[in-house]
Amino acid sequence: MAIKCCVNSGKSAVEMIELINKAYGSAAMSRADVIRRYAGFRDGREDVKDDVSSGHPSIVRRDENVEHVRRLLTEDRRNTLQVTSHRLNIGKETVRRIVTEDLGKRKIREGFFLKS
């Protein structure tokens, strides 16, 4: 509500961030979240609740992608997160989670997968 109040009173985003940090200290929300909410209110948003998601579940860690990552690592153990991500058209963080959580690899160092 403080953000909406600042927007309505004509405060700039920088002024608002300073006020929020002063008022809430270490408990203040992140700068990025403040700016995102500020922009929403500035553009006419009325509610502080986040938008409802589409309801579609995330499917990037499905069995098929786990098997694709496993196959790529078997073909060339030196594949990096970036190369694997690019080849499968899925995010690097998703590839990292597949490698560490689904495939049980212990480490990823300097972009390379290490054998578990």
Protein backbone atom coordinates (compact mmCIF):
# COMPACT_ATOMS: atom_id res chain seq x y z
CA MET A 1 0.00 0.00 0.00
CA ALA A 2 2.93 2.32 0.66
CA ILE A 3 4.01 2.02 -2.96
CA LYS A 4 0.58 2.97 -4.26
CA CYS A 5 0.53 5.93 -1.88
CA CYS A 6 3.93 7.11 -3.14
CA VAL A 7 2.83 6.80 -6.76
CA ASN A 8 -0.40 8.70 -6.07
CA SER A 9 1.51 11.48 -4.28
CA GLY A 10 3.87 11.94 -7.23
CA LYS A 11 7.03 10.46 -5.70
CA SER A 12 9.65 9.15 -8.11
CA ALA A 13 10.74 5.52 -7.97
CA VAL A 14 14.10 6.54 -6.46
CA GLU A 15 12.42 8.62 -3.74
CA MET A 16 10.04 5.78 -3.01
CA ILE A 17 12.83 3.22 -2.69
CA GLU A 18 14.67 5.48 -0.25
CA LEU A 19 11.52 5.93 1.85
CA ILE A 20 10.75 2.20 1.91
CA ASN A 21 14.34 1.31 2.84
CA LYS A 22 14.29 3.92 5.60
CA ALA A 23 10.94 2.70 6.96
CA TYR A 24 11.53 -1.07 6.71
CA GLY A 25 15.32 -1.41 6.82
CA SER A 26 16.52 -4.95 6.21
CA ALA A 27 12.91 -6.16 5.99
CA ALA A 28 12.23 -4.00 2.91
CA MET A 29 11.33 -5.77 -0.33
CA SER A 30 13.95 -5.93 -3.06
CA ARG A 31 14.61 -2.93 -5.28
CA ALA A 32 13.46 -4.91 -8.35
CA ASP A 33 10.14 -5.82 -6.70
CA VAL A 34 9.57 -2.23 -5.60
CA ILE A 35 10.23 -0.94 -9.12
CA ARG A 36 7.98 -3.61 -10.67
CA ARG A 37 5.12 -2.73 -8.34
CA TYR A 38 5.74 1.00 -8.77
CA ALA A 39 5.48 0.63 -12.55
CA GLY A 40 2.27 -1.35 -12.18
CA PHE A 41 0.59 1.29 -10.03
CA ARG A 42 1.91 4.07 -12.26
CA ASP A 43 0.32 2.30 -15.24
CA GLY A 44 -3.08 2.07 -13.52
CA ARG A 45 -2.95 -1.13 -11.51
CA GLU A 46 -5.36 -1.02 -8.57
CA ASP A 47 -4.53 -4.18 -6.61
CA VAL A 48 -1.33 -5.26 -4.86
CA LYS A 49 -1.95 -8.96 -5.50
CA ASP A 50 0.18 -10.64 -8.16
CA ASP A 51 -1.46 -11.58 -11.44
CA VAL A 52 -2.97 -15.03 -11.60
CA SER A 53 -0.79 -17.40 -13.60
CA SER A 54 -2.08 -19.15 -16.67
CA GLY A 55 -2.58 -22.33 -14.68
CA HIS A 56 -0.36 -24.32 -17.01
CA PRO A 57 2.07 -26.51 -15.08
CA SER A 58 5.76 -26.27 -15.79
CA ILE A 59 6.70 -29.18 -18.03
CA VAL A 60 10.35 -28.50 -18.79
CA ARG A 61 11.59 -31.09 -16.26
CA ARG A 62 9.49 -33.88 -17.71
CA ASP A 63 10.97 -37.35 -18.21
CA GLU A 64 11.60 -36.71 -21.89
CA ASN A 65 13.91 -33.76 -21.16
CA VAL A 66 15.70 -35.67 -18.39
CA GLU A 67 16.45 -38.41 -20.92
CA HIS A 68 17.64 -35.87 -23.51
CA VAL A 69 20.04 -34.34 -20.97
CA ARG A 70 21.24 -37.82 -19.95
CA ARG A 71 21.85 -38.69 -23.62
CA LEU A 72 23.78 -35.48 -24.30
CA LEU A 73 25.98 -36.06 -21.25
CA THR A 74 26.60 -39.65 -22.31
CA GLU A 75 27.61 -38.51 -25.80
CA ASP A 76 30.00 -35.86 -24.50
CA ARG A 77 30.57 -35.43 -20.76
CA ARG A 78 32.17 -32.04 -21.44
CA ASN A 79 28.87 -30.44 -22.49
CA THR A 80 28.22 -27.25 -20.55
CA LEU A 81 24.96 -26.01 -19.11
CA GLN A 82 24.81 -23.39 -21.84
CA VAL A 83 25.39 -25.84 -24.70
CA THR A 84 22.90 -28.35 -23.32
CA SER A 85 20.35 -25.61 -22.64
CA HIS A 86 20.73 -24.25 -26.17
CA ARG A 87 20.51 -27.67 -27.83
CA LEU A 88 17.35 -28.63 -25.93
CA ASN A 89 15.82 -25.14 -25.94
CA ILE A 90 15.27 -25.13 -22.16
CA GLY A 91 16.69 -22.81 -19.51
CA LYS A 92 20.15 -23.27 -17.99
CA GLU A 93 18.69 -23.42 -14.47
CA THR A 94 16.35 -26.21 -15.56
CA VAL A 95 19.28 -28.13 -17.04
CA ARG A 96 21.25 -27.59 -13.82
CA ARG A 97 18.36 -28.96 -11.75
CA ILE A 98 17.95 -31.96 -14.05
CA VAL A 99 21.67 -32.72 -13.79
CA THR A 100 21.92 -32.32 -10.02
CA GLU A 101 18.49 -33.47 -8.83
CA ASP A 102 17.22 -35.90 -11.45
CA LEU A 103 20.51 -37.39 -12.63
CA GLY A 104 22.25 -37.22 -9.26
CA LYS A 105 25.43 -35.51 -10.44
CA ARG A 106 27.29 -33.96 -7.51
CA LYS A 107 28.92 -30.89 -8.99
CA ILE A 108 28.99 -28.55 -11.90
CA ARG A 109 32.30 -26.72 -12.10
CA GLU A 110 33.20 -23.96 -14.53
CA GLY A 111 30.26 -24.85 -16.72
CA PHE A 112 31.22 -28.51 -17.03
CA PHE A 113 29.46 -31.50 -15.52
CA LEU A 114 31.57 -33.74 -13.33
CA LYS A 115 30.96 -37.43 -13.05
CA SER A 116 29.22 -38.46 -9.85
